[in-house]
PDB file of N, CA and C in Angstrom:
ATOM      1  N   MET A   1      48.056  -9.229  -8.904  1.00  0.00           N
ATOM      2  CA  MET A   1      47.856  -9.823  -7.406  1.00  0.00           C
ATOM      3  C   MET A   1      46.846  -9.714  -7.151  1.00  0.00           C
ATOM      4  N   THR A   2      46.250  -8.116  -6.372  1.00  0.00           N
ATOM      5  CA  THR A   2      44.905  -8.156  -6.396  1.00  0.00           C
ATOM      6  C   THR A   2      44.156  -9.605  -6.078  1.00  0.00           C
ATOM      7  N   GLY A   3      43.770  -8.699  -7.950  1.00  0.00           N
ATOM      8  CA  GLY A   3      42.787 -10.570  -8.374  1.00  0.00           C
ATOM      9  C   GLY A   3      43.471 -12.070  -7.259  1.00  0.00           C
ATOM     10  N   ARG A   4      43.588 -11.869  -7.817  1.00  0.00           N
ATOM     11  CA  ARG A   4      44.531 -13.639  -7.428  1.00  0.00           C
ATOM     12  C   ARG A   4      43.686 -13.671  -5.821  1.00  0.00           C
ATOM     13  N   ARG A   5      43.986 -12.272  -4.759  1.00  0.00           N
ATOM     14  CA  ARG A   5      44.254 -12.377  -3.319  1.00  0.00           C
ATOM     15  C   ARG A   5      41.963 -13.251  -3.134  1.00  0.00           C
ATOM     16  N   TYR A   6      41.753 -11.137  -3.603  1.00  0.00           N
ATOM     17  CA  TYR A   6      40.478 -11.913  -4.200  1.00  0.00           C
ATOM     18  C   TYR A   6      39.595 -13.414  -4.508  1.00  0.00           C
ATOM     19  N   LEU A   7      39.420 -14.484  -5.286  1.00  0.00           N
ATOM     20  CA  LEU A   7      39.914 -15.101  -5.472  1.00  0.00           C
ATOM     21  C   LEU A   7      39.880 -15.868  -4.237  1.00  0.00           C
ATOM     22  N   ARG A   8      41.260 -16.104  -3.765  1.00  0.00           N
ATOM     23  CA  ARG A   8      41.107 -17.279  -2.954  1.00  0.00           C
ATOM     24  C   ARG A   8      40.640 -16.130  -1.820  1.00  0.00           C
ATOM     25  N   PHE A   9      40.500 -15.015  -1.403  1.00  0.00           N
ATOM     26  CA  PHE A   9      38.715 -15.220  -0.178  1.00  0.00           C
ATOM     27  C   PHE A   9      37.279 -15.627  -0.854  1.00  0.00           C
ATOM     28  N   LEU A  10      37.735 -15.549  -2.336  1.00  0.00           N
ATOM     29  CA  LEU A  10      36.017 -15.708  -2.497  1.00  0.00           C
ATOM     30  C   LEU A  10      36.238 -17.716  -2.250  1.00  0.00           C
ATOM     31  N   GLY A  11      36.840 -17.779  -3.172  1.00  0.00           N
ATOM     32  CA  GLY A  11      36.465 -19.186  -2.525  1.00  0.00           C
ATOM     33  C   GLY A  11      36.628 -20.026  -1.196  1.00  0.00           C
ATOM     34  N   LEU A  12      37.616 -19.329   0.209  1.00  0.00           N
ATOM     35  CA  LEU A  12      37.569 -19.332   1.461  1.00  0.00           C
ATOM     36  C   LEU A  12      36.072 -19.180   1.614  1.00  0.00           C
ATOM     37  N   ALA A  13      35.215 -17.945   1.116  1.00  0.00           N
ATOM     38  CA  ALA A  13      34.035 -17.796   1.291  1.00  0.00           C
ATOM     39  C   ALA A  13      33.265 -18.663   1.010  1.00  0.00           C
ATOM     40  N   VAL A  14      33.160 -19.561   0.371  1.00  0.00           N
ATOM     41  CA  VAL A  14      31.862 -20.084  -0.883  1.00  0.00           C
ATOM     42  C   VAL A  14      32.260 -21.575   0.386  1.00  0.00           C
ATOM     43  N   GLY A  15      33.741 -21.897   1.074  1.00  0.00           N
ATOM     44  CA  GLY A  15      33.623 -23.052   0.733  1.00  0.00           C
ATOM     45  C   GLY A  15      33.456 -22.536   2.367  1.00  0.00           C
ATOM     46  N   LEU A  16      33.203 -22.565   3.371  1.00  0.00           N
ATOM     47  CA  LEU A  16      32.539 -22.347   4.606  1.00  0.00           C
ATOM     48  C   LEU A  16      31.774 -21.945   4.357  1.00  0.00           C
ATOM     49  N   THR A  17      30.638 -21.135   3.295  1.00  0.00           N
ATOM     50  CA  THR A  17      29.663 -21.120   3.234  1.00  0.00           C
ATOM     51  C   THR A  17      28.658 -22.591   3.397  1.00  0.00           C
ATOM     52  N   VAL A  18      29.639 -23.132   2.413  1.00  0.00           N
ATOM     53  CA  VAL A  18      28.702 -24.703   1.829  1.00  0.00           C
ATOM     54  C   VAL A  18      29.239 -25.457   3.309  1.00  0.00           C
ATOM     55  N   ALA A  19      30.454 -25.152   4.124  1.00  0.00           N
ATOM     56  CA  ALA A  19      30.203 -25.864   5.208  1.00  0.00           C
ATOM     57  C   ALA A  19      29.443 -25.697   6.171  1.00  0.00           C
ATOM     58  N   LEU A  20      29.094 -24.166   6.365  1.00  0.00           N
ATOM     59  CA  LEU A  20      28.440 -23.886   7.530  1.00  0.00           C
ATOM     60  C   LEU A  20      26.728 -24.761   7.250  1.00  0.00           C
ATOM     61  N   CYS A  21      26.043 -24.483   5.423  1.00  0.00           N
ATOM     62  CA  CYS A  21      24.836 -25.407   5.101  1.00  0.00           C
ATOM     63  C   CYS A  21      25.205 -26.383   5.992  1.00  0.00           C
ATOM     64  N   ALA A  22      26.248 -27.005   4.810  1.00  0.00           N
ATOM     65  CA  ALA A  22      26.953 -28.612   5.811  1.00  0.00           C
ATOM     66  C   ALA A  22      25.941 -29.162   7.345  1.00  0.00           C
ATOM     67  N   VAL A  23      27.104 -28.757   7.889  1.00  0.00           N
ATOM     68  CA  VAL A  23      27.025 -28.557   9.219  1.00  0.00           C
ATOM     69  C   VAL A  23      25.149 -28.266  10.144  1.00  0.00           C
ATOM     70  N   GLY A  24      24.577 -26.876   9.323  1.00  0.00           N
ATOM     71  CA  GLY A  24      23.485 -26.895   9.870  1.00  0.00           C
ATOM     72  C   GLY A  24      21.752 -27.780   9.111  1.00  0.00           C
ATOM     73  N   TYR A  25      22.350 -28.367   8.386  1.00  0.00           N
ATOM     74  CA  TYR A  25      21.290 -28.778   7.524  1.00  0.00           C
ATOM     75  C   TYR A  25      20.558 -29.899   7.976  1.00  0.00           C
ATOM     76  N   PHE A  26      21.227 -30.962   9.339  1.00  0.00           N
ATOM     77  CA  PHE A  26      20.609 -31.615   9.478  1.00  0.00           C
ATOM     78  C   PHE A  26      19.321 -30.687  10.955  1.00  0.00           C
ATOM     79  N   PRO A  27      20.556 -30.157  11.697  1.00  0.00           N
ATOM     80  CA  PRO A  27      19.292 -29.936  13.252  1.00  0.00           C
ATOM     81  C   PRO A  27      18.067 -28.513  12.105  1.00  0.00           C
ATOM     82  N   THR A  28      19.023 -27.950  11.483  1.00  0.00           N
ATOM     83  CA  THR A  28      17.551 -26.825  10.940  1.00  0.00           C
ATOM     84  C   THR A  28      16.012 -27.259  10.039  1.00  0.00           C
ATOM     85  N   ARG A  29      16.384 -28.563   9.760  1.00  0.00           N
ATOM     86  CA  ARG A  29      15.701 -29.982   8.870  1.00  0.00           C
ATOM     87  C   ARG A  29      14.671 -29.783  10.311  1.00  0.00           C
ATOM     88  N   ARG A  30      15.627 -30.484  10.755  1.00  0.00           N
ATOM     89  CA  ARG A  30      14.639 -31.299  11.741  1.00  0.00           C
ATOM     90  C   ARG A  30      13.795 -30.213  12.768  1.00  0.00           C
ATOM     91  N   LEU A  31      15.124 -28.984  13.368  1.00  0.00           N
ATOM     92  CA  LEU A  31      14.245 -27.925  13.823  1.00  0.00           C
ATOM     93  C   LEU A  31      12.902 -26.632  13.302  1.00  0.00           C
ATOM     94  N   SER A  32      13.342 -27.349  12.081  1.00  0.00           N
ATOM     95  CA  SER A  32      12.299 -25.985  11.278  1.00  0.00           C
ATOM     96  C   SER A  32      11.647 -26.397   9.203  1.00  0.00           C
ATOM     97  N   GLY A  33      11.800 -27.950   9.616  1.00  0.00           N
ATOM     98  CA  GLY A  33      11.710 -28.067   8.195  1.00  0.00           C
ATOM     99  C   GLY A  33      12.525 -27.979   7.345  1.00  0.00           C
ATOM    100  N   GLU A  34      10.966 -28.283   5.900  1.00  0.00           N
ATOM    101  CA  GLU A  34      12.258 -28.086   4.174  1.00  0.00           C
ATOM    102  C   GLU A  34      11.933 -26.193   4.544  1.00  0.00           C
ATOM    103  N   ASP A  35      10.856 -25.834   5.129  1.00  0.00           N
ATOM    104  CA  ASP A  35      10.719 -24.973   5.430  1.00  0.00           C
ATOM    105  C   ASP A  35      11.864 -23.738   5.291  1.00  0.00           C
ATOM    106  N   GLY A  36      12.817 -24.191   6.550  1.00  0.00           N
ATOM    107  CA  GLY A  36      13.747 -23.721   7.726  1.00  0.00           C
ATOM    108  C   GLY A  36      15.359 -24.038   6.594  1.00  0.00           C
ATOM    109  N   VAL A  37      15.309 -25.204   6.148  1.00  0.00           N
ATOM    110  CA  VAL A  37      15.885 -25.274   5.201  1.00  0.00           C
ATOM    111  C   VAL A  37      15.894 -23.969   3.823  1.00  0.00           C
ATOM    112  N   GLU A  38      15.277 -23.781   3.791  1.00  0.00           N
ATOM    113  CA  GLU A  38      15.264 -23.122   2.242  1.00  0.00           C
ATOM    114  C   GLU A  38      15.549 -21.919   3.089  1.00  0.00           C
ATOM    115  N   ALA A  39      14.890 -20.856   4.113  1.00  0.00           N
ATOM    116  CA  ALA A  39      15.558 -19.171   4.855  1.00  0.00           C
ATOM    117  C   ALA A  39      16.992 -20.197   5.202  1.00  0.00           C
ATOM    118  N   MET A  40      17.071 -21.092   5.282  1.00  0.00           N
ATOM    119  CA  MET A  40      18.872 -21.355   6.359  1.00  0.00           C
ATOM    120  C   MET A  40      19.836 -20.587   4.456  1.00  0.00           C
ATOM    121  N   GLY A  41      19.534 -21.624   2.741  1.00  0.00           N
ATOM    122  CA  GLY A  41      19.860 -21.762   2.370  1.00  0.00           C
ATOM    123  C   GLY A  41      20.248 -19.489   1.834  1.00  0.00           C
ATOM    124  N   ALA A  42      19.224 -19.527   2.217  1.00  0.00           N
ATOM    125  CA  ALA A  42      18.546 -17.544   1.819  1.00  0.00           C
ATOM    126  C   ALA A  42      19.672 -16.971   2.204  1.00  0.00           C
ATOM    127  N   GLY A  43      19.678 -16.646   3.829  1.00  0.00           N
ATOM    128  CA  GLY A  43      20.360 -16.283   4.768  1.00  0.00           C
ATOM    129  C   GLY A  43      21.726 -16.495   4.798  1.00  0.00           C
ATOM    130  N   CYS A  44      21.777 -17.091   4.332  1.00  0.00           N
ATOM    131  CA  CYS A  44      23.571 -17.864   3.872  1.00  0.00           C
ATOM    132  C   CYS A  44      24.142 -17.236   2.276  1.00  0.00           C
ATOM    133  N   GLY A  45      23.538 -17.155   1.561  1.00  0.00           N
ATOM    134  CA  GLY A  45      23.623 -16.787   0.714  1.00  0.00           C
ATOM    135  C   GLY A  45      24.292 -15.192   0.367  1.00  0.00           C
ATOM    136  N   ILE A  46      22.618 -14.637   1.477  1.00  0.00           N
ATOM    137  CA  ILE A  46      22.823 -13.209   1.833  1.00  0.00           C
ATOM    138  C   ILE A  46      24.160 -12.923   2.278  1.00  0.00           C
ATOM    139  N   SER A  47      24.552 -13.115   3.315  1.00  0.00           N
ATOM    140  CA  SER A  47      25.593 -13.088   4.283  1.00  0.00           C
ATOM    141  C   SER A  47      26.499 -13.296   2.821  1.00  0.00           C
ATOM    142  N   LEU A  48      26.456 -14.409   2.229  1.00  0.00           N
ATOM    143  CA  LEU A  48      27.630 -14.800   1.081  1.00  0.00           C
ATOM    144  C   LEU A  48      27.997 -13.596  -0.573  1.00  0.00           C
ATOM    145  N   ALA A  49      26.560 -13.031  -0.343  1.00  0.00           N
ATOM    146  CA  ALA A  49      26.807 -11.573  -1.706  1.00  0.00           C
ATOM    147  C   ALA A  49      27.783 -11.140  -0.461  1.00  0.00           C
ATOM    148  N   ALA A  50      27.266 -10.343   0.630  1.00  0.00           N
ATOM    149  CA  ALA A  50      27.715  -8.561   1.088  1.00  0.00           C
ATOM    150  C   ALA A  50      29.291  -8.915   1.297  1.00  0.00           C
ATOM    151  N   ALA A  51      29.215 -10.418   1.665  1.00  0.00           N
ATOM    152  CA  ALA A  51      30.852 -10.504   2.118  1.00  0.00           C
ATOM    153  C   ALA A  51      31.559 -10.477  -0.011  1.00  0.00           C
ATOM    154  N   THR A  52      31.146 -10.387  -0.028  1.00  0.00           N
ATOM    155  CA  THR A  52      32.010 -11.320  -2.147  1.00  0.00           C
ATOM    156  C   THR A  52      31.478  -8.918  -2.093  1.00  0.00           C
ATOM    157  N   MET A  53      30.852  -8.399  -1.797  1.00  0.00           N
ATOM    158  CA  MET A  53      30.630  -7.269  -2.332  1.00  0.00           C
ATOM    159  C   MET A  53      32.010  -6.336  -1.719  1.00  0.00           C
ATOM    160  N   ALA A  54      31.859  -6.905   0.464  1.00  0.00           N
ATOM    161  CA  ALA A  54      32.403  -6.135   0.279  1.00  0.00           C
ATOM    162  C   ALA A  54      34.160  -6.734   0.182  1.00  0.00           C
ATOM    163  N   GLY A  55      34.315  -7.761   0.070  1.00  0.00           N
ATOM    164  CA  GLY A  55      36.145  -7.770  -0.031  1.00  0.00           C
ATOM    165  C   GLY A  55      36.459  -7.460  -1.651  1.00  0.00           C
ATOM    166  N   TRP A  56      35.002  -7.203  -2.527  1.00  0.00           N
ATOM    167  CA  TRP A  56      35.753  -7.130  -4.160  1.00  0.00           C
ATOM    168  C   TRP A  56      36.342  -4.982  -3.454  1.00  0.00           C
ATOM    169  N   LEU A  57      35.489  -4.904  -2.645  1.00  0.00           N
ATOM    170  CA  LEU A  57      36.080  -3.342  -2.307  1.00  0.00           C
ATOM    171  C   LEU A  57      37.701  -2.973  -1.627  1.00  0.00           C
ATOM    172  N   LEU A  58      37.564  -4.014  -0.823  1.00  0.00           N
ATOM    173  CA  LEU A  58      38.867  -4.187  -0.527  1.00  0.00           C
ATOM    174  C   LEU A  58      39.953  -4.448  -1.679  1.00  0.00           C
ATOM    175  N   THR A  59      39.717  -4.933  -2.715  1.00  0.00           N
ATOM    176  CA  THR A  59      40.770  -5.857  -3.663  1.00  0.00           C
ATOM    177  C   THR A  59      41.140  -4.766  -4.750  1.00  0.00           C
ATOM    178  N   ALA A  60      39.616  -4.213  -5.361  1.00  0.00           N
ATOM    179  CA  ALA A  60      39.464  -2.809  -6.485  1.00  0.00           C
ATOM    180  C   ALA A  60      39.982  -1.901  -6.126  1.00  0.00           C
ATOM    181  N   VAL A  61      39.709  -0.777  -5.222  1.00  0.00           N
ATOM    182  CA  VAL A  61      40.514   0.131  -5.090  1.00  0.00           C
ATOM    183  C   VAL A  61      41.614   0.336  -3.594  1.00  0.00           C
ATOM    184  N   PRO A  62      42.422   0.826  -4.460  1.00  0.00           N
ATOM    185  CA  PRO A  62      43.914   1.137  -3.995  1.00  0.00           C
ATOM    186  C   PRO A  62      43.723   2.076  -3.114  1.00  0.00           C
ATOM    187  N   ALA A  63      44.986   1.695  -1.924  1.00  0.00           N
ATOM    188  CA  ALA A  63      45.318   2.662  -1.128  1.00  0.00           C
ATOM    189  C   ALA A  63      46.984   2.895  -0.364  1.00  0.00           C
ATOM    190  N   GLY A  64      46.364   3.626  -1.547  1.00  0.00           N
ATOM    191  CA  GLY A  64      48.620   3.937  -0.770  1.00  0.00           C
ATOM    192  C   GLY A  64      49.158   4.115   0.456  1.00  0.00           C
ATOM    193  N   SER A  65      48.249   5.140   1.273  1.00  0.00           N
ATOM    194  CA  SER A  65      48.744   5.427   2.709  1.00  0.00           C
ATOM    195  C   SER A  65      48.156   4.702   4.198  1.00  0.00           C
ATOM    196  N   PRO A  66      48.347   4.402   5.385  1.00  0.00           N
ATOM    197  CA  PRO A  66      47.070   3.733   6.055  1.00  0.00           C
ATOM    198  C   PRO A  66      46.501   4.647   6.250  1.00  0.00           C
ATOM    199  N   GLU A  67      45.806   5.007   6.354  1.00  0.00           N
ATOM    200  CA  GLU A  67      44.945   6.069   6.123  1.00  0.00           C
ATOM    201  C   GLU A  67      44.039   6.183   5.829  1.00  0.00           C
ATOM    202  N   ALA A  68      43.782   5.918   3.988  1.00  0.00           N
ATOM    203  CA  ALA A  68      43.416   5.261   2.923  1.00  0.00           C
ATOM    204  C   ALA A  68      43.527   3.903   3.120  1.00  0.00           C
ATOM    205  N   ARG A  69      43.735   3.181   3.398  1.00  0.00           N
ATOM    206  CA  ARG A  69      43.517   1.681   3.814  1.00  0.00           C
ATOM    207  C   ARG A  69      42.318   1.451   4.406  1.00  0.00           C
ATOM    208  N   MET A  70      42.405   3.190   5.759  1.00  0.00           N
ATOM    209  CA  MET A  70      41.208   2.300   6.648  1.00  0.00           C
ATOM    210  C   MET A  70      40.922   3.067   7.218  1.00  0.00           C
ATOM    211  N   LYS A  71      40.154   4.156   5.580  1.00  0.00           N
ATOM    212  CA  LYS A  71      38.951   4.180   4.417  1.00  0.00           C
ATOM    213  C   LYS A  71      38.116   3.771   3.790  1.00  0.00           C
ATOM    214  N   ARG A  72      39.485   2.454   3.370  1.00  0.00           N
ATOM    215  CA  ARG A  72      38.518   2.037   2.404  1.00  0.00           C
ATOM    216  C   ARG A  72      38.113   0.988   3.146  1.00  0.00           C
ATOM    217  N   SER A  73      39.231   0.067   4.480  1.00  0.00           N
ATOM    218  CA  SER A  73      38.317  -0.979   5.340  1.00  0.00           C
ATOM    219  C   SER A  73      36.800  -0.284   5.647  1.00  0.00           C
ATOM    220  N   PHE A  74      36.795   0.801   5.911  1.00  0.00           N
ATOM    221  CA  PHE A  74      35.642   1.163   6.299  1.00  0.00           C
ATOM    222  C   PHE A  74      34.638   1.473   5.261  1.00  0.00           C
ATOM    223  N   LEU A  75      34.877   1.680   4.290  1.00  0.00           N
ATOM    224  CA  LEU A  75      33.509   1.561   3.035  1.00  0.00           C
ATOM    225  C   LEU A  75      33.323   0.326   3.287  1.00  0.00           C
ATOM    226  N   ALA A  76      33.834  -0.623   3.372  1.00  0.00           N
ATOM    227  CA  ALA A  76      34.357  -2.160   3.020  1.00  0.00           C
ATOM    228  C   ALA A  76      33.253  -2.395   4.007  1.00  0.00           C
ATOM    229  N   MET A  77      33.228  -2.219   4.988  1.00  0.00           N
ATOM    230  CA  MET A  77      32.454  -2.954   6.018  1.00  0.00           C
ATOM    231  C   MET A  77      31.249  -1.784   5.811  1.00  0.00           C
ATOM    232  N   ALA A  78      31.536  -0.698   5.802  1.00  0.00           N
ATOM    233  CA  ALA A  78      29.711  -0.333   6.195  1.00  0.00           C
ATOM    234  C   ALA A  78      29.089  -0.733   4.019  1.00  0.00           C
ATOM    235  N   VAL A  79      28.929  -1.673   3.288  1.00  0.00           N
ATOM    236  CA  VAL A  79      28.510  -2.015   2.472  1.00  0.00           C
ATOM    237  C   VAL A  79      28.392  -3.097   2.786  1.00  0.00           C
ATOM    238  N   ARG A  80      29.010  -3.925   3.617  1.00  0.00           N
ATOM    239  CA  ARG A  80      29.159  -5.495   3.897  1.00  0.00           C
ATOM    240  C   ARG A  80      28.062  -5.129   4.868  1.00  0.00           C
ATOM    241  N   LEU A  81      27.721  -4.589   5.558  1.00  0.00           N
ATOM    242  CA  LEU A  81      26.231  -3.609   6.599  1.00  0.00           C
ATOM    243  C   LEU A  81      25.249  -3.686   5.681  1.00  0.00           C
ATOM    244  N   ALA A  82      25.271  -3.041   4.968  1.00  0.00           N
ATOM    245  CA  ALA A  82      23.628  -2.191   4.395  1.00  0.00           C
ATOM    246  C   ALA A  82      23.550  -2.891   3.361  1.00  0.00           C
ATOM    247  N   VAL A  83      23.747  -4.084   2.990  1.00  0.00           N
ATOM    248  CA  VAL A  83      23.731  -5.391   2.071  1.00  0.00           C
ATOM    249  C   VAL A  83      23.343  -6.112   3.050  1.00  0.00           C
ATOM    250  N   VAL A  84      23.844  -6.625   3.738  1.00  0.00           N
ATOM    251  CA  VAL A  84      22.736  -7.564   5.213  1.00  0.00           C
ATOM    252  C   VAL A  84      22.378  -7.449   5.159  1.00  0.00           C
ATOM    253  N   ALA A  85      21.251  -5.470   5.307  1.00  0.00           N
ATOM    254  CA  ALA A  85      20.444  -5.395   5.759  1.00  0.00           C
ATOM    255  C   ALA A  85      19.586  -5.529   5.237  1.00  0.00           C
ATOM    256  N   VAL A  86      20.194  -4.572   4.019  1.00  0.00           N
ATOM    257  CA  VAL A  86      18.814  -5.046   2.738  1.00  0.00           C
ATOM    258  C   VAL A  86      18.055  -5.600   2.541  1.00  0.00           C
ATOM    259  N   LEU A  87      18.614  -6.413   1.845  1.00  0.00           N
ATOM    260  CA  LEU A  87      18.464  -8.076   1.281  1.00  0.00           C
ATOM    261  C   LEU A  87      18.088  -8.925   2.724  1.00  0.00           C
ATOM    262  N   GLY A  88      18.489  -8.764   4.046  1.00  0.00           N
ATOM    263  CA  GLY A  88      17.656  -9.295   4.659  1.00  0.00           C
ATOM    264  C   GLY A  88      16.279  -8.943   5.450  1.00  0.00           C
ATOM    265  N   VAL A  89      16.106  -7.426   5.479  1.00  0.00           N
ATOM    266  CA  VAL A  89      14.818  -7.540   5.434  1.00  0.00           C
ATOM    267  C   VAL A  89      13.768  -7.118   4.359  1.00  0.00           C
ATOM    268  N   ALA A  90      14.557  -7.840   3.668  1.00  0.00           N
ATOM    269  CA  ALA A  90      13.186  -8.044   1.790  1.00  0.00           C
ATOM    270  C   ALA A  90      12.697  -8.868   2.082  1.00  0.00           C
ATOM    271  N   ALA A  91      13.979 -10.075   1.949  1.00  0.00           N
ATOM    272  CA  ALA A  91      13.909 -11.080   2.600  1.00  0.00           C
ATOM    273  C   ALA A  91      12.584 -11.333   3.691  1.00  0.00           C
ATOM    274  N   ALA A  92      12.675 -11.187   4.961  1.00  0.00           N
ATOM    275  CA  ALA A  92      12.357 -11.259   6.661  1.00  0.00           C
ATOM    276  C   ALA A  92      10.762 -10.705   5.672  1.00  0.00           C
ATOM    277  N   LEU A  93      10.598  -9.566   5.435  1.00  0.00           N
ATOM    278  CA  LEU A  93       8.755  -8.722   4.891  1.00  0.00           C
ATOM    279  C   LEU A  93       8.782  -9.563   3.798  1.00  0.00           C
ATOM    280  N   SER A  94       9.295 -10.455   2.842  1.00  0.00           N
ATOM    281  CA  SER A  94       8.788 -11.150   1.578  1.00  0.00           C
ATOM    282  C   SER A  94       7.956 -12.192   1.884  1.00  0.00           C
ATOM    283  N   GLY A  95       7.850 -13.227   3.615  1.00  0.00           N
ATOM    284  CA  GLY A  95       7.102 -13.865   3.161  1.00  0.00           C
ATOM    285  C   GLY A  95       7.228 -14.951   2.435  1.00  0.00           C
ATOM    286  N   LEU A  96       8.217 -15.188   2.387  1.00  0.00           N
ATOM    287  CA  LEU A  96       9.285 -16.237   0.611  1.00  0.00           C
ATOM    288  C   LEU A  96       9.404 -18.008   1.888  1.00  0.00           C
ATOM    289  N   PHE A  97      10.491 -16.672   3.044  1.00  0.00           N
ATOM    290  CA  PHE A  97      10.803 -18.061   4.104  1.00  0.00           C
ATOM    291  C   PHE A  97      10.589 -17.563   5.269  1.00  0.00           C
ATOM    292  N   GLU A  98      10.931 -18.793   5.700  1.00  0.00           N
ATOM    293  CA  GLU A  98      10.803 -18.424   7.986  1.00  0.00           C
ATOM    294  C   GLU A  98      11.829 -17.267   8.040  1.00  0.00           C
ATOM    295  N   ARG A  99      11.297 -16.444   9.342  1.00  0.00           N
ATOM    296  CA  ARG A  99      12.155 -15.703   9.572  1.00  0.00           C
ATOM    297  C   ARG A  99      13.423 -15.931  10.829  1.00  0.00           C
ATOM    298  N   ALA A 100      13.213 -16.945  11.118  1.00  0.00           N
ATOM    299  CA  ALA A 100      13.779 -17.119  12.671  1.00  0.00           C
ATOM    300  C   ALA A 100      14.779 -18.309  12.292  1.00  0.00           C
ATOM    301  N   PRO A 101      14.915 -19.690  10.721  1.00  0.00           N
ATOM    302  CA  PRO A 101      16.494 -19.382  10.740  1.00  0.00           C
ATOM    303  C   PRO A 101      16.893 -17.736   9.631  1.00  0.00           C
ATOM    304  N   LEU A 102      16.280 -17.708   8.619  1.00  0.00           N
ATOM    305  CA  LEU A 102      17.191 -17.098   7.768  1.00  0.00           C
ATOM    306  C   LEU A 102      17.621 -16.042   8.538  1.00  0.00           C
ATOM    307  N   LEU A 103      17.067 -15.260   9.772  1.00  0.00           N
ATOM    308  CA  LEU A 103      18.231 -14.055  10.454  1.00  0.00           C
ATOM    309  C   LEU A 103      19.225 -15.181  11.479  1.00  0.00           C
ATOM    310  N   PHE A 104      18.464 -16.625  12.219  1.00  0.00           N
ATOM    311  CA  PHE A 104      19.985 -16.183  12.224  1.00  0.00           C
ATOM    312  C   PHE A 104      21.127 -16.722  11.503  1.00  0.00           C
ATOM    313  N   TRP A 105      20.914 -17.878  10.076  1.00  0.00           N
ATOM    314  CA  TRP A 105      21.654 -18.189   9.600  1.00  0.00           C
ATOM    315  C   TRP A 105      22.276 -17.022   8.611  1.00  0.00           C
ATOM    316  N   MET A 106      21.563 -16.175   8.611  1.00  0.00           N
ATOM    317  CA  MET A 106      22.468 -14.758   8.342  1.00  0.00           C
ATOM    318  C   MET A 106      23.123 -14.085   9.143  1.00  0.00           C
ATOM    319  N   ALA A 107      23.181 -14.116  10.394  1.00  0.00           N
ATOM    320  CA  ALA A 107      24.105 -13.928  11.773  1.00  0.00           C
ATOM    321  C   ALA A 107      24.699 -14.770  12.327  1.00  0.00           C
ATOM    322  N   ALA A 108      24.512 -16.235  11.271  1.00  0.00           N
ATOM    323  CA  ALA A 108      26.082 -16.433  11.129  1.00  0.00           C
ATOM    324  C   ALA A 108      27.563 -17.293  10.466  1.00  0.00           C
ATOM    325  N   THR A 109      26.460 -16.427   9.377  1.00  0.00           N
ATOM    326  CA  THR A 109      27.547 -16.413   8.507  1.00  0.00           C
ATOM    327  C   THR A 109      27.821 -15.179   8.126  1.00  0.00           C
ATOM    328  N   TYR A 110      27.497 -14.425   8.506  1.00  0.00           N
ATOM    329  CA  TYR A 110      27.964 -13.100   8.979  1.00  0.00           C
ATOM    330  C   TYR A 110      28.934 -12.670   9.846  1.00  0.00           C
ATOM    331  N   VAL A 111      28.758 -14.140  10.426  1.00  0.00           N
ATOM    332  CA  VAL A 111      30.304 -13.625  11.776  1.00  0.00           C
ATOM    333  C   VAL A 111      31.533 -14.694  11.513  1.00  0.00           C
ATOM    334  N   VAL A 112      30.953 -16.144  10.496  1.00  0.00           N
ATOM    335  CA  VAL A 112      31.746 -16.763  10.205  1.00  0.00           C
ATOM    336  C   VAL A 112      33.107 -16.087   8.955  1.00  0.00           C
ATOM    337  N   LEU A 113      32.117 -14.835   8.615  1.00  0.00           N
ATOM    338  CA  LEU A 113      32.688 -14.499   7.678  1.00  0.00           C
ATOM    339  C   LEU A 113      33.585 -13.871   7.515  1.00  0.00           C
ATOM    340  N   LEU A 114      33.603 -12.540   8.893  1.00  0.00           N
ATOM    341  CA  LEU A 114      34.384 -11.682   9.329  1.00  0.00           C
ATOM    342  C   LEU A 114      35.584 -11.381   8.908  1.00  0.00           C
ATOM    343  N   PRO A 115      36.348 -12.839   9.757  1.00  0.00           N
ATOM    344  CA  PRO A 115      37.459 -12.431  10.112  1.00  0.00           C
ATOM    345  C   PRO A 115      38.604 -12.894   8.587  1.00  0.00           C
ATOM    346  N   LEU A 116      37.799 -13.365   7.252  1.00  0.00           N
ATOM    347  CA  LEU A 116      38.179 -13.493   6.492  1.00  0.00           C
ATOM    348  C   LEU A 116      38.569 -12.403   5.993  1.00  0.00           C
ATOM    349  N   GLU A 117      37.580 -11.397   6.276  1.00  0.00           N
ATOM    350  CA  GLU A 117      37.362 -10.128   5.481  1.00  0.00           C
ATOM    351  C   GLU A 117      38.337  -9.004   6.334  1.00  0.00           C
ATOM    352  N   VAL A 118      38.376  -9.674   7.519  1.00  0.00           N
ATOM    353  CA  VAL A 118      39.602  -8.821   8.065  1.00  0.00           C
ATOM    354  C   VAL A 118      40.939  -8.894   7.071  1.00  0.00           C
ATOM    355  N   LYS A 119      41.292  -9.959   7.701  1.00  0.00           N
ATOM    356  CA  LYS A 119      42.189 -10.432   7.107  1.00  0.00           C
ATOM    357  C   LYS A 119      42.170 -10.149   5.858  1.00  0.00           C
ATOM    358  N   LEU A 120      41.422 -10.344   5.082  1.00  0.00           N
ATOM    359  CA  LEU A 120      41.830  -9.252   3.298  1.00  0.00           C
ATOM    360  C   LEU A 120      42.399  -7.657   3.179  1.00  0.00           C
ATOM    361  N   ALA A 121      41.277  -6.881   4.290  1.00  0.00           N
ATOM    362  CA  ALA A 121      41.674  -6.083   4.609  1.00  0.00           C
ATOM    363  C   ALA A 121      43.368  -5.468   4.778  1.00  0.00           C
ATOM    364  N   ILE A 122      43.640  -6.625   5.892  1.00  0.00           N
ATOM    365  CA  ILE A 122      44.906  -6.143   6.648  1.00  0.00           C
ATOM    366  C   ILE A 122      46.010  -6.187   5.518  1.00  0.00           C
ATOM    367  N   ALA A 123      45.874  -8.293   5.159  1.00  0.00           N
ATOM    368  CA  ALA A 123      46.982  -7.932   4.150  1.00  0.00           C
ATOM    369  C   ALA A 123      47.689  -6.688   2.642  1.00  0.00           C
ATOM    370  N   SER A 124      48.320  -6.887   2.749  1.00  0.00           N
ATOM    371  CA  SER A 124      49.532  -5.190   1.573  1.00  0.00           C
ATOM    372  C   SER A 124      49.528  -6.124   1.052  1.00  0.00           C
ATOM    373  N   ASP A 125      48.723  -4.397   0.006  1.00  0.00           N
ATOM    374  CA  ASP A 125      48.973  -4.388  -0.879  1.00  0.00           C
ATOM    375  C   ASP A 125      49.214  -4.754  -2.572  1.00  0.00           C
TER     376      ASP A 125
END
């Protein structure tokens, strides 16, 4: 059952990320050029990777009591933030991507994927 929940979460997360990239492609290209589109892809990918890791923790770590579920949710939230911070700083300082579109799309995707993680966290085990 938990594997199915994770796969559903993963499918929705990938779908939302692709939809967000499709919506943002032309404005980003117009404002930042092709380099901005590459930065958009990297920013969206970073947030998707972080959400994927948090979702995996929410389904892989067992939690029998409400207190354990709260601790598991906090762990997933902390891991997601750490992954975004580490990968985001690495990408921004690498010089491979334009910083403004990278950081904007990383933040936008982070916010868009957050409700999926919350729903996964409060779903019954």
